[in-house]
Amino acid sequence: MKAKVNFDGIWMPSVDLVIYSYALNERIKRSLKLFFILLAFAVFSILIPVLHFVLVPMFLILSLVLSLRKFKETKKIDFTGTVCPKCKIDLKTGILSLKEDDKTVRLNCDNCRKSLTIVIEDDLI
């Protein structure tokens, strides 16, 4: 997949990115896994005497909201090994998951405080 790179206001040459698209069953598995983990936290937080009045509703709401957000993520990009063009330090980003309509990814260098914006040119089919 081709992408344009904007480094601190200066457009750099296009790069090729490897973008993985999640299938529907993978998206369902990922969201259900997160849902049941947070649901287990809600069940186990019943045992905490006073805090369960806050923790149980919080984990129940988080289980619904965060699993829905996880389901909406349709693709992932691996940014491991990405270095800052200015100071040549690793950005320590790793794998980022994107929603279907996300076209830009913004990364920041912790060392020189410069921003790196990656604009995806091609659409996934």
Protein backbone atom coordinates (compact mmCIF):
# COMPACT_ATOMS: atom_id res chain seq x y z
CA MET A 1 0.00 0.00 0.00
CA LYS A 2 1.41 3.41 -0.94
CA ALA A 3 1.51 6.17 1.63
CA LYS A 4 2.71 9.76 1.69
CA VAL A 5 4.88 10.87 4.60
CA ASN A 6 4.77 14.38 6.02
CA PHE A 7 7.62 15.06 8.44
CA ASP A 8 7.14 18.28 10.37
CA GLY A 9 5.51 20.08 7.43
CA ILE A 10 7.83 18.70 4.73
CA TRP A 11 6.49 16.06 2.32
CA MET A 12 8.90 13.14 1.89
CA PRO A 13 8.90 10.44 -0.82
CA SER A 14 6.11 7.86 -0.76
CA VAL A 15 6.67 4.62 1.12
CA ASP A 16 5.18 1.15 0.83
CA LEU A 17 3.33 -0.09 3.92
CA VAL A 18 2.11 -3.58 4.69
CA ILE A 19 -1.52 -3.27 5.79
CA TYR A 20 -3.38 -6.28 7.12
CA SER A 21 -7.16 -6.28 6.85
CA TYR A 22 -9.11 -8.16 9.52
CA ALA A 23 -11.77 -10.62 8.36
CA LEU A 24 -15.21 -10.44 9.98
CA ASN A 25 -14.66 -13.52 12.16
CA GLU A 26 -11.32 -12.10 13.42
CA ARG A 27 -13.00 -8.84 14.34
CA ILE A 28 -15.74 -10.72 16.21
CA LYS A 29 -13.19 -12.86 18.08
CA ARG A 30 -11.12 -9.82 19.09
CA SER A 31 -14.14 -7.89 20.35
CA LEU A 32 -15.63 -10.88 22.21
CA LYS A 33 -12.29 -11.59 23.88
CA LEU A 34 -12.12 -8.03 25.22
CA PHE A 35 -15.80 -8.14 26.22
CA PHE A 36 -15.39 -11.32 28.29
CA ILE A 37 -12.17 -10.10 29.93
CA LEU A 38 -13.88 -6.91 31.12
CA LEU A 39 -16.99 -8.87 32.09
CA ALA A 40 -14.78 -11.13 34.25
CA PHE A 41 -13.34 -8.03 35.91
CA ALA A 42 -16.90 -6.90 36.66
CA VAL A 43 -17.78 -10.27 38.19
CA PHE A 44 -14.62 -10.41 40.32
CA SER A 45 -15.05 -6.82 41.46
CA ILE A 46 -18.29 -7.86 43.19
CA LEU A 47 -16.07 -9.29 45.92
CA ILE A 48 -14.55 -5.90 46.78
CA PRO A 49 -16.74 -4.64 49.65
CA VAL A 50 -17.31 -0.92 49.11
CA LEU A 51 -15.79 -0.26 45.71
CA HIS A 52 -18.05 -2.73 43.91
CA PHE A 53 -20.75 -0.04 43.72
CA VAL A 54 -18.47 1.83 41.31
CA LEU A 55 -16.37 -0.95 39.77
CA VAL A 56 -19.13 -3.28 38.59
CA PRO A 57 -21.06 -0.65 36.57
CA MET A 58 -17.81 0.80 35.26
CA PHE A 59 -16.53 -2.56 33.97
CA LEU A 60 -19.93 -3.41 32.48
CA ILE A 61 -20.06 -0.13 30.57
CA LEU A 62 -16.42 -0.47 29.51
CA SER A 63 -17.03 -4.02 28.28
CA LEU A 64 -19.73 -2.78 25.91
CA VAL A 65 -18.02 0.40 24.72
CA LEU A 66 -14.49 -0.93 24.28
CA SER A 67 -15.59 -4.16 22.59
CA LEU A 68 -17.63 -2.12 20.10
CA ARG A 69 -14.61 0.08 19.40
CA LYS A 70 -12.45 -3.02 18.95
CA PHE A 71 -15.01 -4.45 16.50
CA LYS A 72 -14.84 -1.29 14.37
CA GLU A 73 -11.08 -1.70 13.82
CA THR A 74 -10.77 -3.20 10.34
CA LYS A 75 -7.06 -3.02 9.52
CA LYS A 76 -3.66 -2.91 11.17
CA ILE A 77 -0.30 -1.47 10.19
CA ASP A 78 3.02 -2.68 11.60
CA PHE A 79 5.31 0.26 12.38
CA THR A 80 8.02 -1.70 14.23
CA GLY A 81 11.43 -0.51 13.16
CA THR A 82 10.19 2.92 12.02
CA VAL A 83 12.82 5.57 12.72
CA CYS A 84 12.59 9.33 12.97
CA PRO A 85 13.95 10.97 9.78
CA LYS A 86 15.71 13.68 11.79
CA CYS A 87 17.37 12.02 14.77
CA LYS A 88 17.32 8.37 13.51
CA ILE A 89 15.86 7.07 16.79
CA ASP A 90 13.28 4.24 16.81
CA LEU A 91 9.72 5.59 17.29
CA LYS A 92 8.67 2.59 19.45
CA THR A 93 5.22 2.51 17.90
CA GLY A 94 4.59 -1.15 17.08
CA ILE A 95 1.30 -2.28 15.55
CA LEU A 96 -1.55 0.22 15.17
CA SER A 97 -5.14 -0.76 14.45
CA LEU A 98 -7.22 1.56 12.29
CA LYS A 99 -10.90 1.97 11.59
CA GLU A 100 -12.21 1.66 8.05
CA ASP A 101 -12.39 5.40 7.37
CA ASP A 102 -8.98 6.26 8.93
CA LYS A 103 -6.61 7.57 6.26
CA THR A 104 -3.95 9.26 8.40
CA VAL A 105 -1.64 8.08 11.16
CA ARG A 106 0.21 10.57 13.35
CA LEU A 107 3.39 9.52 15.11
CA ASN A 108 5.59 11.60 17.40
CA CYS A 109 9.29 11.29 18.10
CA ASP A 110 9.99 11.29 21.85
CA ASN A 111 13.56 12.46 21.32
CA CYS A 112 13.28 15.51 19.02
CA ARG A 113 9.51 16.18 19.50
CA LYS A 114 8.84 16.26 15.74
CA SER A 115 5.62 14.90 14.24
CA LEU A 116 5.39 12.33 11.48
CA THR A 117 2.10 12.09 9.58
CA ILE A 118 1.46 9.14 7.28
CA VAL A 119 -1.38 9.53 4.74
CA ILE A 120 -2.60 6.29 3.15
CA GLU A 121 -3.21 6.85 -0.57
CA ASP A 122 -4.82 3.61 -1.75
CA ASP A 123 -8.08 2.15 -0.49
CA LEU A 124 -8.34 -1.40 0.75
CA ILE A 125 -10.66 -3.52 -1.34
